[in-house]
Amino acid sequence: MSDESLTIDLVDGCSGSVPLARHPRLTHAMPTDRKTWLQIGRGEGIHWLDLDEDISVVFGVKEYYRDEYSIQVQGPGPHDVIAFELDAKAAGKTVGISHFGFRLVEAEDID
């Protein structure tokens, strides 16, 4: 972890990086507090004990589209797309699903 980003190396050789600016508790934390963390479960995420902060890792997806306010990832199915949208009002809070939709391949699939 640097002052700007968190990089996670997975056992399969893949790695991912996220800007700390997306996680205000980590951004404003003391370096000693950032070092006190535990793995969640079998590697599903990281929990910082002194900060009460969690970051989960989404497996089996690849980035499909990204802009300033959102990231879309393609899931394990050939037509599965998950969208993560930046919402400054919800940052740092646990929230529910704000949008759920389907992408149809054929218009005839509508009942």
C-alpha atoms as a PDB file:
ATOM      1  CA  MET A   1       0.000   0.000   0.000  1.00  0.00           C
ATOM      2  CA  SER A   2       1.293   3.415  -0.959  1.00  0.00           C
ATOM      3  CA  ASP A   3      -0.087   6.826   0.006  1.00  0.00           C
ATOM      4  CA  GLU A   4      -2.075   6.813  -3.248  1.00  0.00           C
ATOM      5  CA  SER A   5      -3.214   3.233  -3.836  1.00  0.00           C
ATOM      6  CA  LEU A   6      -3.752  -0.273  -2.515  1.00  0.00           C
ATOM      7  CA  THR A   7      -2.518  -3.161  -4.649  1.00  0.00           C
ATOM      8  CA  ILE A   8      -3.652  -6.719  -4.002  1.00  0.00           C
ATOM      9  CA  ASP A   9      -1.731  -9.692  -5.414  1.00  0.00           C
ATOM     10  CA  LEU A  10      -3.809 -12.859  -5.782  1.00  0.00           C
ATOM     11  CA  VAL A  11      -2.478 -16.404  -5.542  1.00  0.00           C
ATOM     12  CA  ASP A  12      -3.245 -17.012  -9.230  1.00  0.00           C
ATOM     13  CA  GLY A  13      -0.739 -14.315 -10.217  1.00  0.00           C
ATOM     14  CA  CYS A  14      -3.317 -11.615 -10.947  1.00  0.00           C
ATOM     15  CA  SER A  15      -3.199  -8.289  -9.169  1.00  0.00           C
ATOM     16  CA  GLY A  16      -5.508  -5.338  -8.812  1.00  0.00           C
ATOM     17  CA  SER A  17      -5.090  -1.793  -7.610  1.00  0.00           C
ATOM     18  CA  VAL A  18      -7.586   0.705  -6.204  1.00  0.00           C
ATOM     19  CA  PRO A  19      -6.976   4.401  -5.443  1.00  0.00           C
ATOM     20  CA  LEU A  20      -7.081   5.115  -1.706  1.00  0.00           C
ATOM     21  CA  ALA A  21      -9.147   8.219  -2.493  1.00  0.00           C
ATOM     22  CA  ARG A  22     -12.114   5.840  -2.942  1.00  0.00           C
ATOM     23  CA  HIS A  23     -11.716   4.742   0.697  1.00  0.00           C
ATOM     24  CA  PRO A  24     -11.607   7.848   2.930  1.00  0.00           C
ATOM     25  CA  ARG A  25     -10.911   5.879   6.130  1.00  0.00           C
ATOM     26  CA  LEU A  26      -7.750   4.449   4.569  1.00  0.00           C
ATOM     27  CA  THR A  27      -6.762   7.767   3.012  1.00  0.00           C
ATOM     28  CA  HIS A  28      -6.886   9.616   6.328  1.00  0.00           C
ATOM     29  CA  ALA A  29      -5.557   6.786   8.505  1.00  0.00           C
ATOM     30  CA  MET A  30      -2.176   6.724  10.175  1.00  0.00           C
ATOM     31  CA  PRO A  31       0.300   4.382   8.439  1.00  0.00           C
ATOM     32  CA  THR A  32       0.442   2.201  11.564  1.00  0.00           C
ATOM     33  CA  ASP A  33      -3.364   1.721  11.442  1.00  0.00           C
ATOM     34  CA  ARG A  34      -3.164   0.706   7.780  1.00  0.00           C
ATOM     35  CA  LYS A  35      -0.750  -2.100   8.672  1.00  0.00           C
ATOM     36  CA  THR A  36      -3.176  -3.800  11.090  1.00  0.00           C
ATOM     37  CA  TRP A  37      -5.405  -5.899   8.833  1.00  0.00           C
ATOM     38  CA  LEU A  38      -6.852  -9.395   8.553  1.00  0.00           C
ATOM     39  CA  GLN A  39      -7.875 -11.488   5.587  1.00  0.00           C
ATOM     40  CA  ILE A  40     -11.641 -11.992   5.378  1.00  0.00           C
ATOM     41  CA  GLY A  41     -12.629 -15.647   5.014  1.00  0.00           C
ATOM     42  CA  ARG A  42     -10.537 -17.469   2.442  1.00  0.00           C
ATOM     43  CA  GLY A  43      -9.367 -14.262   0.797  1.00  0.00           C
ATOM     44  CA  GLU A  44     -12.673 -12.627  -0.125  1.00  0.00           C
ATOM     45  CA  GLY A  45     -11.431  -9.327   1.236  1.00  0.00           C
ATOM     46  CA  ILE A  46      -9.424  -7.371   3.799  1.00  0.00           C
ATOM     47  CA  HIS A  47     -10.548  -5.957   7.155  1.00  0.00           C
ATOM     48  CA  TRP A  48      -8.595  -3.208   8.934  1.00  0.00           C
ATOM     49  CA  LEU A  49      -9.109  -3.753  12.659  1.00  0.00           C
ATOM     50  CA  ASP A  50      -8.350  -0.244  13.923  1.00  0.00           C
ATOM     51  CA  LEU A  51     -10.309   1.467  11.141  1.00  0.00           C
ATOM     52  CA  ASP A  52     -13.395  -0.775  10.909  1.00  0.00           C
ATOM     53  CA  GLU A  53     -12.917  -0.740   7.118  1.00  0.00           C
ATOM     54  CA  ASP A  54     -13.444  -3.618   4.678  1.00  0.00           C
ATOM     55  CA  ILE A  55     -12.569  -4.045   1.015  1.00  0.00           C
ATOM     56  CA  SER A  56     -13.969  -7.062  -0.798  1.00  0.00           C
ATOM     57  CA  VAL A  57     -12.535  -8.632  -3.903  1.00  0.00           C
ATOM     58  CA  VAL A  58     -14.864  -9.697  -6.740  1.00  0.00           C
ATOM     59  CA  PHE A  59     -13.572 -12.877  -8.371  1.00  0.00           C
ATOM     60  CA  GLY A  60     -14.303 -14.272 -11.789  1.00  0.00           C
ATOM     61  CA  VAL A  61     -14.924 -10.924 -13.466  1.00  0.00           C
ATOM     62  CA  LYS A  62     -12.992  -8.773 -15.902  1.00  0.00           C
ATOM     63  CA  GLU A  63     -13.288  -5.072 -16.556  1.00  0.00           C
ATOM     64  CA  TYR A  64     -15.608  -4.356 -19.467  1.00  0.00           C
ATOM     65  CA  TYR A  65     -16.014  -0.557 -19.383  1.00  0.00           C
ATOM     66  CA  ARG A  66     -14.812   2.318 -17.194  1.00  0.00           C
ATOM     67  CA  ASP A  67     -15.464   6.042 -17.060  1.00  0.00           C
ATOM     68  CA  GLU A  68     -15.068   8.726 -14.389  1.00  0.00           C
ATOM     69  CA  TYR A  69     -18.158   7.597 -12.452  1.00  0.00           C
ATOM     70  CA  SER A  70     -18.540   3.867 -13.037  1.00  0.00           C
ATOM     71  CA  ILE A  71     -16.921   0.537 -13.784  1.00  0.00           C
ATOM     72  CA  GLN A  72     -18.678  -2.328 -15.541  1.00  0.00           C
ATOM     73  CA  VAL A  73     -17.353  -5.853 -15.250  1.00  0.00           C
ATOM     74  CA  GLN A  74     -18.260  -8.947 -17.206  1.00  0.00           C
ATOM     75  CA  GLY A  75     -19.184 -11.869 -14.972  1.00  0.00           C
ATOM     76  CA  PRO A  76     -18.779 -15.570 -15.507  1.00  0.00           C
ATOM     77  CA  GLY A  77     -21.770 -15.835 -17.877  1.00  0.00           C
ATOM     78  CA  PRO A  78     -21.384 -14.626 -21.476  1.00  0.00           C
ATOM     79  CA  HIS A  79     -23.947 -11.840 -20.959  1.00  0.00           C
ATOM     80  CA  ASP A  80     -23.442 -11.052 -17.234  1.00  0.00           C
ATOM     81  CA  VAL A  81     -22.460  -7.423 -16.688  1.00  0.00           C
ATOM     82  CA  ILE A  82     -22.211  -5.865 -13.220  1.00  0.00           C
ATOM     83  CA  ALA A  83     -22.042  -2.072 -12.911  1.00  0.00           C
ATOM     84  CA  PHE A  84     -20.370  -0.309  -9.972  1.00  0.00           C
ATOM     85  CA  GLU A  85     -21.246   3.368  -9.847  1.00  0.00           C
ATOM     86  CA  LEU A  86     -19.527   6.069  -7.804  1.00  0.00           C
ATOM     87  CA  ASP A  87     -21.998   7.797  -5.500  1.00  0.00           C
ATOM     88  CA  ALA A  88     -20.324  10.387  -3.261  1.00  0.00           C
ATOM     89  CA  LYS A  89     -23.369  10.512  -0.959  1.00  0.00           C
ATOM     90  CA  ALA A  90     -23.073   6.788  -0.238  1.00  0.00           C
ATOM     91  CA  ALA A  91     -19.268   6.661   0.115  1.00  0.00           C
ATOM     92  CA  GLY A  92     -18.194   4.929   3.299  1.00  0.00           C
ATOM     93  CA  LYS A  93     -21.709   3.630   4.024  1.00  0.00           C
ATOM     94  CA  THR A  94     -23.227   0.201   3.607  1.00  0.00           C
ATOM     95  CA  VAL A  95     -26.051   0.560   1.101  1.00  0.00           C
ATOM     96  CA  GLY A  96     -28.368  -1.735  -0.829  1.00  0.00           C
ATOM     97  CA  ILE A  97     -28.830  -2.196  -4.530  1.00  0.00           C
ATOM     98  CA  SER A  98     -29.860   1.079  -6.159  1.00  0.00           C
ATOM     99  CA  HIS A  99     -30.329  -0.293  -9.678  1.00  0.00           C
ATOM    100  CA  PHE A 100     -30.951  -3.756 -11.062  1.00  0.00           C
ATOM    101  CA  GLY A 101     -31.476  -4.507 -14.714  1.00  0.00           C
ATOM    102  CA  PHE A 102     -31.174  -7.064 -17.454  1.00  0.00           C
ATOM    103  CA  ARG A 103     -29.536  -6.911 -20.838  1.00  0.00           C
ATOM    104  CA  LEU A 104     -31.577  -8.840 -23.379  1.00  0.00           C
ATOM    105  CA  VAL A 105     -29.919 -10.487 -26.324  1.00  0.00           C
ATOM    106  CA  GLU A 106     -33.105 -10.749 -28.379  1.00  0.00           C
ATOM    107  CA  ALA A 107     -36.175  -8.491 -28.147  1.00  0.00           C
ATOM    108  CA  GLU A 108     -38.338 -11.610 -28.456  1.00  0.00           C
ATOM    109  CA  ASP A 109     -37.107 -12.670 -24.988  1.00  0.00           C
ATOM    110  CA  ILE A 110     -39.480 -10.137 -23.379  1.00  0.00           C
ATOM    111  CA  ASP A 111     -42.594 -11.882 -22.043  1.00  0.00           C
END
